[in-house]
Amino acid sequence: VPYLDHRLVEAAAALPDRLRIDRAVTKVVLRRAVRGVVPDEIRLDRRKIGFAVPQVTWMAASMPAIRAALADSLAIAEGLLDRQGVDALLARPLEPDGGAELWRALSIDRWLRRLG
């Protein structure tokens, strides 16, 4: 979430590609920015470490609220999401990945409602 601040996104987008993209290293700018602040063993660690949550269980229990939220989706009204695509996501059973696409659609709609 802190990386969604528009000023940070605009500053990162303005950087030349040679400073943002390195095929050998991910998150180049972030890794350079925290040099001397974060220990190198953490800063240079290339393993992705996720934070697992029971998303499928949570979403399954919340499907009525999710359906209601997306039935009146501001993101669809604004053309950011496609009604047929969202309806297709709602018609599918939740995948083992936790309904990641459905979660993204809901998140976009909630962010748009909150931040306008």
PDB file of N, CA and C in Angstrom:
ATOM      1  N   VAL A   1       0.811  -1.207   0.000  1.00  0.00           N
ATOM      2  CA  VAL A   1       0.000   0.000   0.000  1.00  0.00           C
ATOM      3  C   VAL A   1       0.851   1.267   0.000  1.00  0.00           C
ATOM      4  N   PRO A   2       1.954   1.338   0.754  1.00  0.00           N
ATOM      5  CA  PRO A   2       2.715   2.594   0.703  1.00  0.00           C
ATOM      6  C   PRO A   2       3.258   2.895  -0.687  1.00  0.00           C
ATOM      7  N   TYR A   3       3.427   1.864  -1.511  1.00  0.00           N
ATOM      8  CA  TYR A   3       3.956   2.090  -2.852  1.00  0.00           C
ATOM      9  C   TYR A   3       2.891   2.606  -3.816  1.00  0.00           C
ATOM     10  N   LEU A   4       1.659   2.761  -3.358  1.00  0.00           N
ATOM     11  CA  LEU A   4       0.595   3.258  -4.218  1.00  0.00           C
ATOM     12  C   LEU A   4       0.436   4.773  -4.138  1.00  0.00           C
ATOM     13  N   ASP A   5       1.248   5.431  -3.353  1.00  0.00           N
ATOM     14  CA  ASP A   5       1.198   6.884  -3.279  1.00  0.00           C
ATOM     15  C   ASP A   5       1.527   7.436  -4.665  1.00  0.00           C
ATOM     16  N   HIS A   6       0.671   8.298  -5.190  1.00  0.00           N
ATOM     17  CA  HIS A   6       0.831   8.766  -6.562  1.00  0.00           C
ATOM     18  C   HIS A   6       2.161   9.481  -6.786  1.00  0.00           C
ATOM     19  N   ARG A   7       2.681  10.131  -5.772  1.00  0.00           N
ATOM     20  CA  ARG A   7       3.960  10.828  -5.937  1.00  0.00           C
ATOM     21  C   ARG A   7       5.101   9.835  -6.139  1.00  0.00           C
ATOM     22  N   LEU A   8       5.053   8.731  -5.411  1.00  0.00           N
ATOM     23  CA  LEU A   8       6.083   7.711  -5.575  1.00  0.00           C
ATOM     24  C   LEU A   8       5.968   7.039  -6.938  1.00  0.00           C
ATOM     25  N   VAL A   9       4.750   6.732  -7.344  1.00  0.00           N
ATOM     26  CA  VAL A   9       4.530   6.105  -8.652  1.00  0.00           C
ATOM     27  C   VAL A   9       4.999   7.039  -9.764  1.00  0.00           C
ATOM     28  N   GLU A  10       4.657   8.309  -9.676  1.00  0.00           N
ATOM     29  CA  GLU A  10       5.069   9.277 -10.703  1.00  0.00           C
ATOM     30  C   GLU A  10       6.591   9.425 -10.744  1.00  0.00           C
ATOM     31  N   ALA A  11       7.221   9.463  -9.577  1.00  0.00           N
ATOM     32  CA  ALA A  11       8.686   9.584  -9.537  1.00  0.00           C
ATOM     33  C   ALA A  11       9.347   8.349 -10.149  1.00  0.00           C
ATOM     34  N   ALA A  12       8.839   7.164  -9.813  1.00  0.00           N
ATOM     35  CA  ALA A  12       9.405   5.924 -10.358  1.00  0.00           C
ATOM     36  C   ALA A  12       9.190   5.845 -11.864  1.00  0.00           C
ATOM     37  N   ALA A  13       8.024   6.252 -12.330  1.00  0.00           N
ATOM     38  CA  ALA A  13       7.736   6.209 -13.766  1.00  0.00           C
ATOM     39  C   ALA A  13       8.615   7.178 -14.547  1.00  0.00           C
ATOM     40  N   ALA A  14       9.061   8.233 -13.892  1.00  0.00           N
ATOM     41  CA  ALA A  14       9.889   9.237 -14.563  1.00  0.00           C
ATOM     42  C   ALA A  14      11.358   8.812 -14.670  1.00  0.00           C
ATOM     43  N   LEU A  15      11.744   7.789 -13.917  1.00  0.00           N
ATOM     44  CA  LEU A  15      13.137   7.332 -13.982  1.00  0.00           C
ATOM     45  C   LEU A  15      13.417   6.701 -15.340  1.00  0.00           C
ATOM     46  N   PRO A  16      14.621   6.890 -15.865  1.00  0.00           N
ATOM     47  CA  PRO A  16      14.953   6.219 -17.129  1.00  0.00           C
ATOM     48  C   PRO A  16      15.012   4.707 -16.928  1.00  0.00           C
ATOM     49  N   ASP A  17      14.720   3.966 -17.989  1.00  0.00           N
ATOM     50  CA  ASP A  17      14.704   2.499 -17.922  1.00  0.00           C
ATOM     51  C   ASP A  17      15.994   1.931 -17.356  1.00  0.00           C
ATOM     52  N   ARG A  18      17.129   2.521 -17.699  1.00  0.00           N
ATOM     53  CA  ARG A  18      18.416   1.981 -17.244  1.00  0.00           C
ATOM     54  C   ARG A  18      18.535   1.981 -15.720  1.00  0.00           C
ATOM     55  N   LEU A  19      17.760   2.837 -15.045  1.00  0.00           N
ATOM     56  CA  LEU A  19      17.777   2.863 -13.587  1.00  0.00           C
ATOM     57  C   LEU A  19      16.699   1.972 -12.966  1.00  0.00           C
ATOM     58  N   ARG A  20      15.678   1.636 -13.745  1.00  0.00           N
ATOM     59  CA  ARG A  20      14.563   0.856 -13.207  1.00  0.00           C
ATOM     60  C   ARG A  20      14.650  -0.619 -13.523  1.00  0.00           C
ATOM     61  N   ILE A  21      15.294  -0.972 -14.617  1.00  0.00           N
ATOM     62  CA  ILE A  21      15.239  -2.356 -15.101  1.00  0.00           C
ATOM     63  C   ILE A  21      16.633  -2.957 -15.127  1.00  0.00           C
ATOM     64  N   ASP A  22      16.768  -4.084 -14.464  1.00  0.00           N
ATOM     65  CA  ASP A  22      18.010  -4.839 -14.456  1.00  0.00           C
ATOM     66  C   ASP A  22      17.596  -6.299 -14.511  1.00  0.00           C
ATOM     67  N   ARG A  23      17.925  -6.966 -15.592  1.00  0.00           N
ATOM     68  CA  ARG A  23      17.476  -8.356 -15.773  1.00  0.00           C
ATOM     69  C   ARG A  23      17.999  -9.294 -14.682  1.00  0.00           C
ATOM     70  N   ALA A  24      19.107  -8.932 -14.056  1.00  0.00           N
ATOM     71  CA  ALA A  24      19.699  -9.810 -13.043  1.00  0.00           C
ATOM     72  C   ALA A  24      19.142  -9.559 -11.649  1.00  0.00           C
ATOM     73  N   VAL A  25      18.559  -8.381 -11.411  1.00  0.00           N
ATOM     74  CA  VAL A  25      18.118  -8.015 -10.068  1.00  0.00           C
ATOM     75  C   VAL A  25      16.713  -7.432 -10.129  1.00  0.00           C
ATOM     76  N   THR A  26      15.835  -7.903  -9.261  1.00  0.00           N
ATOM     77  CA  THR A  26      14.492  -7.340  -9.176  1.00  0.00           C
ATOM     78  C   THR A  26      14.490  -6.166  -8.206  1.00  0.00           C
ATOM     79  N   LYS A  27      13.525  -5.296  -8.340  1.00  0.00           N
ATOM     80  CA  LYS A  27      13.329  -4.175  -7.414  1.00  0.00           C
ATOM     81  C   LYS A  27      14.609  -3.352  -7.245  1.00  0.00           C
ATOM     82  N   VAL A  28      15.243  -3.034  -8.359  1.00  0.00           N
ATOM     83  CA  VAL A  28      16.539  -2.366  -8.344  1.00  0.00           C
ATOM     84  C   VAL A  28      16.502  -1.055  -7.561  1.00  0.00           C
ATOM     85  N   VAL A  29      15.560  -0.201  -7.865  1.00  0.00           N
ATOM     86  CA  VAL A  29      15.504   1.113  -7.224  1.00  0.00           C
ATOM     87  C   VAL A  29      15.268   0.957  -5.719  1.00  0.00           C
ATOM     88  N   LEU A  30      14.366   0.091  -5.354  1.00  0.00           N
ATOM     89  CA  LEU A  30      14.082  -0.127  -3.936  1.00  0.00           C
ATOM     90  C   LEU A  30      15.310  -0.675  -3.209  1.00  0.00           C
ATOM     91  N   ARG A  31      15.974  -1.641  -3.811  1.00  0.00           N
ATOM     92  CA  ARG A  31      17.169  -2.212  -3.186  1.00  0.00           C
ATOM     93  C   ARG A  31      18.260  -1.158  -3.021  1.00  0.00           C
ATOM     94  N   ARG A  32      18.420  -0.288  -4.022  1.00  0.00           N
ATOM     95  CA  ARG A  32      19.426   0.775  -3.915  1.00  0.00           C
ATOM     96  C   ARG A  32      19.015   1.816  -2.875  1.00  0.00           C
ATOM     97  N   ALA A  33      17.742   2.099  -2.807  1.00  0.00           N
ATOM     98  CA  ALA A  33      17.256   3.139  -1.889  1.00  0.00           C
ATOM     99  C   ALA A  33      17.470   2.770  -0.427  1.00  0.00           C
ATOM    100  N   VAL A  34      17.429   1.486  -0.124  1.00  0.00           N
ATOM    101  CA  VAL A  34      17.557   1.076   1.277  1.00  0.00           C
ATOM    102  C   VAL A  34      18.976   0.634   1.640  1.00  0.00           C
ATOM    103  N   ARG A  35      19.917   0.839   0.710  1.00  0.00           N
ATOM    104  CA  ARG A  35      21.325   0.512   0.997  1.00  0.00           C
ATOM    105  C   ARG A  35      21.780   1.325   2.206  1.00  0.00           C
ATOM    106  N   GLY A  36      22.378   0.648   3.167  1.00  0.00           N
ATOM    107  CA  GLY A  36      22.846   1.310   4.377  1.00  0.00           C
ATOM    108  C   GLY A  36      21.774   1.428   5.457  1.00  0.00           C
ATOM    109  N   VAL A  37      20.527   1.133   5.096  1.00  0.00           N
ATOM    110  CA  VAL A  37      19.421   1.199   6.052  1.00  0.00           C
ATOM    111  C   VAL A  37      18.988  -0.213   6.432  1.00  0.00           C
ATOM    112  N   VAL A  38      18.880  -1.058   5.431  1.00  0.00           N
ATOM    113  CA  VAL A  38      18.476  -2.455   5.616  1.00  0.00           C
ATOM    114  C   VAL A  38      19.732  -3.313   5.456  1.00  0.00           C
ATOM    115  N   PRO A  39      19.961  -4.270   6.362  1.00  0.00           N
ATOM    116  CA  PRO A  39      21.144  -5.132   6.228  1.00  0.00           C
ATOM    117  C   PRO A  39      21.186  -5.820   4.864  1.00  0.00           C
ATOM    118  N   ASP A  40      22.383  -5.936   4.290  1.00  0.00           N
ATOM    119  CA  ASP A  40      22.536  -6.528   2.959  1.00  0.00           C
ATOM    120  C   ASP A  40      21.962  -7.929   2.857  1.00  0.00           C
ATOM    121  N   GLU A  41      22.033  -8.726   3.933  1.00  0.00           N
ATOM    122  CA  GLU A  41      21.493 -10.086   3.857  1.00  0.00           C
ATOM    123  C   GLU A  41      19.987 -10.068   3.592  1.00  0.00           C
ATOM    124  N   ILE A  42      19.309  -9.038   3.999  1.00  0.00           N
ATOM    125  CA  ILE A  42      17.878  -8.885   3.719  1.00  0.00           C
ATOM    126  C   ILE A  42      17.688  -8.141   2.403  1.00  0.00           C
ATOM    127  N   ARG A  43      18.406  -7.047   2.234  1.00  0.00           N
ATOM    128  CA  ARG A  43      18.257  -6.192   1.047  1.00  0.00           C
ATOM    129  C   ARG A  43      18.547  -6.946  -0.247  1.00  0.00           C
ATOM    130  N   LEU A  44      19.497  -7.847  -0.221  1.00  0.00           N
ATOM    131  CA  LEU A  44      19.906  -8.556  -1.432  1.00  0.00           C
ATOM    132  C   LEU A  44      19.283  -9.942  -1.572  1.00  0.00           C
ATOM    133  N   ASP A  45      18.446 -10.340  -0.648  1.00  0.00           N
ATOM    134  CA  ASP A  45      17.781 -11.646  -0.695  1.00  0.00           C
ATOM    135  C   ASP A  45      16.804 -11.667  -1.865  1.00  0.00           C
ATOM    136  N   ARG A  46      16.939 -12.643  -2.743  1.00  0.00           N
ATOM    137  CA  ARG A  46      16.105 -12.698  -3.946  1.00  0.00           C
ATOM    138  C   ARG A  46      14.938 -13.663  -3.828  1.00  0.00           C
ATOM    139  N   ARG A  47      14.806 -14.320  -2.674  1.00  0.00           N
ATOM    140  CA  ARG A  47      13.681 -15.240  -2.501  1.00  0.00           C
ATOM    141  C   ARG A  47      12.402 -14.440  -2.287  1.00  0.00           C
ATOM    142  N   LYS A  48      11.340 -14.887  -2.884  1.00  0.00           N
ATOM    143  CA  LYS A  48      10.038 -14.270  -2.629  1.00  0.00           C
ATOM    144  C   LYS A  48       9.438 -14.980  -1.428  1.00  0.00           C
ATOM    145  N   ILE A  49       9.105 -14.230  -0.431  1.00  0.00           N
ATOM    146  CA  ILE A  49       8.523 -14.813   0.771  1.00  0.00           C
ATOM    147  C   ILE A  49       7.118 -14.245   0.916  1.00  0.00           C
ATOM    148  N   GLY A  50       6.134 -15.081   0.702  1.00  0.00           N
ATOM    149  CA  GLY A  50       4.754 -14.635   0.777  1.00  0.00           C
ATOM    150  C   GLY A  50       4.202 -14.690   2.192  1.00  0.00           C
ATOM    151  N   PHE A  51       3.065 -14.112   2.342  1.00  0.00           N
ATOM    152  CA  PHE A  51       2.356 -14.121   3.619  1.00  0.00           C
ATOM    153  C   PHE A  51       1.021 -14.805   3.352  1.00  0.00           C
ATOM    154  N   ALA A  52       0.921 -16.070   3.732  1.00  0.00           N
ATOM    155  CA  ALA A  52      -0.263 -16.862   3.405  1.00  0.00           C
ATOM    156  C   ALA A  52      -1.430 -16.531   4.336  1.00  0.00           C
ATOM    157  N   VAL A  53      -2.587 -16.389   3.745  1.00  0.00           N
ATOM    158  CA  VAL A  53      -3.817 -16.174   4.497  1.00  0.00           C
ATOM    159  C   VAL A  53      -4.874 -17.125   3.941  1.00  0.00           C
ATOM    160  N   PRO A  54      -5.906 -17.448   4.724  1.00  0.00           N
ATOM    161  CA  PRO A  54      -6.963 -18.353   4.235  1.00  0.00           C
ATOM    162  C   PRO A  54      -7.963 -17.619   3.338  1.00  0.00           C
ATOM    163  N   GLN A  55      -7.475 -17.085   2.225  1.00  0.00           N
ATOM    164  CA  GLN A  55      -8.282 -16.238   1.353  1.00  0.00           C
ATOM    165  C   GLN A  55      -9.508 -16.954   0.788  1.00  0.00           C
ATOM    166  N   VAL A  56      -9.358 -18.212   0.397  1.00  0.00           N
ATOM    167  CA  VAL A  56     -10.501 -18.947  -0.155  1.00  0.00           C
ATOM    168  C   VAL A  56     -11.623 -19.023   0.871  1.00  0.00           C
ATOM    169  N   THR A  57     -11.278 -19.339   2.111  1.00  0.00           N
ATOM    170  CA  THR A  57     -12.278 -19.440   3.174  1.00  0.00           C
ATOM    171  C   THR A  57     -12.951 -18.096   3.403  1.00  0.00           C
ATOM    172  N   TRP A  58     -12.146 -17.050   3.493  1.00  0.00           N
ATOM    173  CA  TRP A  58     -12.696 -15.718   3.721  1.00  0.00           C
ATOM    174  C   TRP A  58     -13.609 -15.284   2.583  1.00  0.00           C
ATOM    175  N   MET A  59     -13.159 -15.501   1.356  1.00  0.00           N
ATOM    176  CA  MET A  59     -13.964 -15.067   0.216  1.00  0.00           C
ATOM    177  C   MET A  59     -15.247 -15.884   0.100  1.00  0.00           C
ATOM    178  N   ALA A  60     -15.164 -17.182   0.333  1.00  0.00           N
ATOM    179  CA  ALA A  60     -16.358 -18.026   0.257  1.00  0.00           C
ATOM    180  C   ALA A  60     -17.406 -17.547   1.258  1.00  0.00           C
ATOM    181  N   ALA A  61     -16.966 -17.197   2.449  1.00  0.00           N
ATOM    182  CA  ALA A  61     -17.898 -16.717   3.479  1.00  0.00           C
ATOM    183  C   ALA A  61     -18.446 -15.330   3.155  1.00  0.00           C
ATOM    184  N   SER A  62     -17.732 -14.596   2.312  1.00  0.00           N
ATOM    185  CA  SER A  62     -18.126 -13.220   1.997  1.00  0.00           C
ATOM    186  C   SER A  62     -18.764 -13.065   0.624  1.00  0.00           C
ATOM    187  N   MET A  63     -19.048 -14.163  -0.059  1.00  0.00           N
ATOM    188  CA  MET A  63     -19.563 -14.063  -1.432  1.00  0.00           C
ATOM    189  C   MET A  63     -20.828 -13.216  -1.556  1.00  0.00           C
ATOM    190  N   PRO A  64     -21.784 -13.286  -0.629  1.00  0.00           N
ATOM    191  CA  PRO A  64     -22.947 -12.396  -0.783  1.00  0.00           C
ATOM    192  C   PRO A  64     -22.542 -10.912  -0.798  1.00  0.00           C
ATOM    193  N   ALA A  65     -21.639 -10.523   0.069  1.00  0.00           N
ATOM    194  CA  ALA A  65     -21.193  -9.127   0.109  1.00  0.00           C
ATOM    195  C   ALA A  65     -20.380  -8.770  -1.132  1.00  0.00           C
ATOM    196  N   ILE A  66     -19.568  -9.715  -1.605  1.00  0.00           N
ATOM    197  CA  ILE A  66     -18.773  -9.479  -2.818  1.00  0.00           C
ATOM    198  C   ILE A  66     -19.692  -9.300  -4.014  1.00  0.00           C
ATOM    199  N   ARG A  67     -20.693 -10.184  -4.122  1.00  0.00           N
ATOM    200  CA  ARG A  67     -21.658 -10.064  -5.234  1.00  0.00           C
ATOM    201  C   ARG A  67     -22.385  -8.720  -5.185  1.00  0.00           C
ATOM    202  N   ALA A  68     -22.811  -8.312  -4.003  1.00  0.00           N
ATOM    203  CA  ALA A  68     -23.527  -7.033  -3.856  1.00  0.00           C
ATOM    204  C   ALA A  68     -22.630  -5.864  -4.231  1.00  0.00           C
ATOM    205  N   ALA A  69     -21.372  -5.906  -3.788  1.00  0.00           N
ATOM    206  CA  ALA A  69     -20.443  -4.820  -4.096  1.00  0.00           C
ATOM    207  C   ALA A  69     -20.196  -4.712  -5.589  1.00  0.00           C
ATOM    208  N   LEU A  70     -20.022  -5.852  -6.246  1.00  0.00           N
ATOM    209  CA  LEU A  70     -19.716  -5.819  -7.674  1.00  0.00           C
ATOM    210  C   LEU A  70     -20.960  -5.641  -8.539  1.00  0.00           C
ATOM    211  N   ALA A  71     -22.138  -5.875  -7.981  1.00  0.00           N
ATOM    212  CA  ALA A  71     -23.371  -5.612  -8.729  1.00  0.00           C
ATOM    213  C   ALA A  71     -23.528  -4.118  -8.980  1.00  0.00           C
ATOM    214  N   ASP A  72     -23.011  -3.321  -8.051  1.00  0.00           N
ATOM    215  CA  ASP A  72     -23.102  -1.864  -8.141  1.00  0.00           C
ATOM    216  C   ASP A  72     -21.699  -1.275  -8.266  1.00  0.00           C
ATOM    217  N   SER A  73     -20.875  -1.885  -9.096  1.00  0.00           N
ATOM    218  CA  SER A  73     -19.460  -1.540  -9.183  1.00  0.00           C
ATOM    219  C   SER A  73     -19.218  -0.198  -9.866  1.00  0.00           C
ATOM    220  N   LEU A  74     -18.564   0.683  -9.140  1.00  0.00           N
ATOM    221  CA  LEU A  74     -18.148   1.956  -9.714  1.00  0.00           C
ATOM    222  C   LEU A  74     -17.057   1.739 -10.768  1.00  0.00           C
ATOM    223  N   ALA A  75     -16.220   0.739 -10.543  1.00  0.00           N
ATOM    224  CA  ALA A  75     -15.160   0.423 -11.502  1.00  0.00           C
ATOM    225  C   ALA A  75     -15.743  -0.026 -12.841  1.00  0.00           C
ATOM    226  N   ILE A  76     -16.860  -0.728 -12.808  1.00  0.00           N
ATOM    227  CA  ILE A  76     -17.532  -1.120 -14.053  1.00  0.00           C
ATOM    228  C   ILE A  76     -18.160   0.120 -14.696  1.00  0.00           C
ATOM    229  N   ALA A  77     -18.831   0.931 -13.883  1.00  0.00           N
ATOM    230  CA  ALA A  77     -19.471   2.140 -14.399  1.00  0.00           C
ATOM    231  C   ALA A  77     -18.455   3.080 -15.056  1.00  0.00           C
ATOM    232  N   GLU A  78     -17.253   3.115 -14.506  1.00  0.00           N
ATOM    233  CA  GLU A  78     -16.197   3.993 -15.037  1.00  0.00           C
ATOM    234  C   GLU A  78     -15.433   3.349 -16.189  1.00  0.00           C
ATOM    235  N   GLY A  79     -15.752   2.103 -16.531  1.00  0.00           N
ATOM    236  CA  GLY A  79     -15.091   1.431 -17.645  1.00  0.00           C
ATOM    237  C   GLY A  79     -13.753   0.789 -17.304  1.00  0.00           C
ATOM    238  N   LEU A  80     -13.435   0.697 -16.019  1.00  0.00           N
ATOM    239  CA  LEU A  80     -12.175   0.067 -15.618  1.00  0.00           C
ATOM    240  C   LEU A  80     -12.290  -1.454 -15.586  1.00  0.00           C
ATOM    241  N   LEU A  81     -13.497  -1.943 -15.373  1.00  0.00           N
ATOM    242  CA  LEU A  81     -13.765  -3.378 -15.391  1.00  0.00           C
ATOM    243  C   LEU A  81     -14.890  -3.650 -16.376  1.00  0.00           C
ATOM    244  N   ASP A  82     -14.882  -4.826 -16.929  1.00  0.00           N
ATOM    245  CA  ASP A  82     -15.899  -5.246 -17.883  1.00  0.00           C
ATOM    246  C   ASP A  82     -16.989  -6.035 -17.153  1.00  0.00           C
ATOM    247  N   ARG A  83     -18.254  -5.641 -17.326  1.00  0.00           N
ATOM    248  CA  ARG A  83     -19.371  -6.304 -16.632  1.00  0.00           C
ATOM    249  C   ARG A  83     -19.395  -7.799 -16.934  1.00  0.00           C
ATOM    250  N   GLN A  84     -19.256  -8.173 -18.204  1.00  0.00           N
ATOM    251  CA  GLN A  84     -19.305  -9.602 -18.552  1.00  0.00           C
ATOM    252  C   GLN A  84     -18.149 -10.372 -17.912  1.00  0.00           C
ATOM    253  N   GLY A  85     -16.984  -9.746 -17.867  1.00  0.00           N
ATOM    254  CA  GLY A  85     -15.831 -10.395 -17.239  1.00  0.00           C
ATOM    255  C   GLY A  85     -16.033 -10.597 -15.752  1.00  0.00           C
ATOM    256  N   VAL A  86     -16.563  -9.579 -15.082  1.00  0.00           N
ATOM    257  CA  VAL A  86     -16.831  -9.682 -13.645  1.00  0.00           C
ATOM    258  C   VAL A  86     -17.898 -10.741 -13.390  1.00  0.00           C
ATOM    259  N   ASP A  87     -18.960 -10.739 -14.202  1.00  0.00           N
ATOM    260  CA  ASP A  87     -20.005 -11.754 -14.034  1.00  0.00           C
ATOM    261  C   ASP A  87     -19.461 -13.164 -14.232  1.00  0.00           C
ATOM    262  N   ALA A  88     -18.537 -13.318 -15.179  1.00  0.00           N
ATOM    263  CA  ALA A  88     -17.921 -14.636 -15.406  1.00  0.00           C
ATOM    264  C   ALA A  88     -17.099 -15.053 -14.180  1.00  0.00           C
ATOM    265  N   LEU A  89     -16.390 -14.110 -13.571  1.00  0.00           N
ATOM    266  CA  LEU A  89     -15.631 -14.418 -12.359  1.00  0.00           C
ATOM    267  C   LEU A  89     -16.557 -14.837 -11.224  1.00  0.00           C
ATOM    268  N   LEU A  90     -17.682 -14.144 -11.098  1.00  0.00           N
ATOM    269  CA  LEU A  90     -18.635 -14.463 -10.037  1.00  0.00           C
ATOM    270  C   LEU A  90     -19.307 -15.818 -10.253  1.00  0.00           C
ATOM    271  N   ALA A  91     -19.410 -16.247 -11.496  1.00  0.00           N
ATOM    272  CA  ALA A  91     -20.072 -17.517 -11.806  1.00  0.00           C
ATOM    273  C   ALA A  91     -19.156 -18.720 -11.553  1.00  0.00           C
ATOM    274  N   ARG A  92     -17.852 -18.498 -11.556  1.00  0.00           N
ATOM    275  CA  ARG A  92     -16.905 -19.598 -11.357  1.00  0.00           C
ATOM    276  C   ARG A  92     -16.773 -19.939  -9.873  1.00  0.00           C
ATOM    277  N   PRO A  93     -16.507 -21.205  -9.584  1.00  0.00           N
ATOM    278  CA  PRO A  93     -16.187 -21.536  -8.192  1.00  0.00           C
ATOM    279  C   PRO A  93     -14.827 -20.918  -7.842  1.00  0.00           C
ATOM    280  N   LEU A  94     -14.618 -20.645  -6.571  1.00  0.00           N
ATOM    281  CA  LEU A  94     -13.331 -20.085  -6.158  1.00  0.00           C
ATOM    282  C   LEU A  94     -12.221 -21.080  -6.452  1.00  0.00           C
ATOM    283  N   GLU A  95     -11.189 -20.586  -7.079  1.00  0.00           N
ATOM    284  CA  GLU A  95     -10.037 -21.417  -7.427  1.00  0.00           C
ATOM    285  C   GLU A  95      -9.150 -21.611  -6.189  1.00  0.00           C
ATOM    286  N   PRO A  96      -8.261 -22.599  -6.239  1.00  0.00           N
ATOM    287  CA  PRO A  96      -7.322 -22.766  -5.123  1.00  0.00           C
ATOM    288  C   PRO A  96      -6.448 -21.530  -4.891  1.00  0.00           C
ATOM    289  N   ASP A  97      -6.288 -20.685  -5.929  1.00  0.00           N
ATOM    290  CA  ASP A  97      -5.476 -19.477  -5.762  1.00  0.00           C
ATOM    291  C   ASP A  97      -6.225 -18.411  -4.969  1.00  0.00           C
ATOM    292  N   GLY A  98      -7.408 -18.757  -4.489  1.00  0.00           N
ATOM    293  CA  GLY A  98      -8.156 -17.825  -3.652  1.00  0.00           C
ATOM    294  C   GLY A  98      -9.013 -16.866  -4.432  1.00  0.00           C
ATOM    295  N   GLY A  99      -9.290 -17.190  -5.685  1.00  0.00           N
ATOM    296  CA  GLY A  99     -10.092 -16.270  -6.481  1.00  0.00           C
ATOM    297  C   GLY A  99      -9.354 -14.964  -6.723  1.00  0.00           C
ATOM    298  N   ALA A 100      -8.079 -15.084  -7.087  1.00  0.00           N
ATOM    299  CA  ALA A 100      -7.216 -13.909  -7.209  1.00  0.00           C
ATOM    300  C   ALA A 100      -7.788 -12.862  -8.166  1.00  0.00           C
ATOM    301  N   GLU A 101      -8.338 -13.290  -9.289  1.00  0.00           N
ATOM    302  CA  GLU A 101      -8.892 -12.317 -10.237  1.00  0.00           C
ATOM    303  C   GLU A 101     -10.109 -11.609  -9.648  1.00  0.00           C
ATOM    304  N   LEU A 102     -10.949 -12.360  -8.971  1.00  0.00           N
ATOM    305  CA  LEU A 102     -12.124 -11.766  -8.333  1.00  0.00           C
ATOM    306  C   LEU A 102     -11.680 -10.793  -7.238  1.00  0.00           C
ATOM    307  N   TRP A 103     -10.678 -11.179  -6.478  1.00  0.00           N
ATOM    308  CA  TRP A 103     -10.141 -10.298  -5.430  1.00  0.00           C
ATOM    309  C   TRP A 103      -9.615  -8.995  -6.039  1.00  0.00           C
ATOM    310  N   ARG A 104      -8.933  -9.099  -7.179  1.00  0.00           N
ATOM    311  CA  ARG A 104      -8.410  -7.894  -7.846  1.00  0.00           C
ATOM    312  C   ARG A 104      -9.555  -6.991  -8.297  1.00  0.00           C
ATOM    313  N   ALA A 105     -10.586  -7.582  -8.861  1.00  0.00           N
ATOM    314  CA  ALA A 105     -11.733  -6.785  -9.312  1.00  0.00           C
ATOM    315  C   ALA A 105     -12.374  -6.057  -8.135  1.00  0.00           C
ATOM    316  N   LEU A 106     -12.569  -6.766  -7.041  1.00  0.00           N
ATOM    317  CA  LEU A 106     -13.152  -6.157  -5.850  1.00  0.00           C
ATOM    318  C   LEU A 106     -12.232  -5.064  -5.301  1.00  0.00           C
ATOM    319  N   SER A 107     -10.937  -5.319  -5.278  1.00  0.00           N
ATOM    320  CA  SER A 107      -9.975  -4.340  -4.759  1.00  0.00           C
ATOM    321  C   SER A 107      -9.976  -3.068  -5.586  1.00  0.00           C
ATOM    322  N   ILE A 108     -10.009  -3.211  -6.908  1.00  0.00           N
ATOM    323  CA  ILE A 108     -10.050  -2.028  -7.780  1.00  0.00           C
ATOM    324  C   ILE A 108     -11.299  -1.210  -7.486  1.00  0.00           C
ATOM    325  N   ASP A 109     -12.420  -1.892  -7.350  1.00  0.00           N
ATOM    326  CA  ASP A 109     -13.662  -1.176  -7.073  1.00  0.00           C
ATOM    327  C   ASP A 109     -13.607  -0.472  -5.719  1.00  0.00           C
ATOM    328  N   ARG A 110     -13.110  -1.149  -4.701  1.00  0.00           N
ATOM    329  CA  ARG A 110     -13.028  -0.546  -3.363  1.00  0.00           C
ATOM    330  C   ARG A 110     -12.066   0.643  -3.343  1.00  0.00           C
ATOM    331  N   TRP A 111     -10.920   0.513  -4.004  1.00  0.00           N
ATOM    332  CA  TRP A 111      -9.964   1.633  -4.062  1.00  0.00           C
ATOM    333  C   TRP A 111     -10.601   2.830  -4.766  1.00  0.00           C
ATOM    334  N   LEU A 112     -11.300   2.570  -5.862  1.00  0.00           N
ATOM    335  CA  LEU A 112     -11.931   3.661  -6.596  1.00  0.00           C
ATOM    336  C   LEU A 112     -12.978   4.351  -5.740  1.00  0.00           C
ATOM    337  N   ARG A 113     -13.766   3.595  -5.030  1.00  0.00           N
ATOM    338  CA  ARG A 113     -14.787   4.194  -4.142  1.00  0.00           C
ATOM    339  C   ARG A 113     -14.138   4.990  -3.009  1.00  0.00           C
ATOM    340  N   ARG A 114     -13.073   4.464  -2.477  1.00  0.00           N
ATOM    341  CA  ARG A 114     -12.426   5.132  -1.345  1.00  0.00           C
ATOM    342  C   ARG A 114     -11.649   6.384  -1.766  1.00  0.00           C
ATOM    343  N   LEU A 115     -10.923   6.270  -2.867  1.00  0.00           N
ATOM    344  CA  LEU A 115     -10.032   7.358  -3.265  1.00  0.00           C
ATOM    345  C   LEU A 115     -10.581   8.237  -4.384  1.00  0.00           C
ATOM    346  N   GLY A 116     -11.650   7.750  -5.011  1.00  0.00           N
ATOM    347  CA  GLY A 116     -12.275   8.546  -6.064  1.00  0.00           C
ATOM    348  C   GLY A 116     -11.408   8.675  -7.271  1.00  0.00           C
TER     349      GLY A 116
END
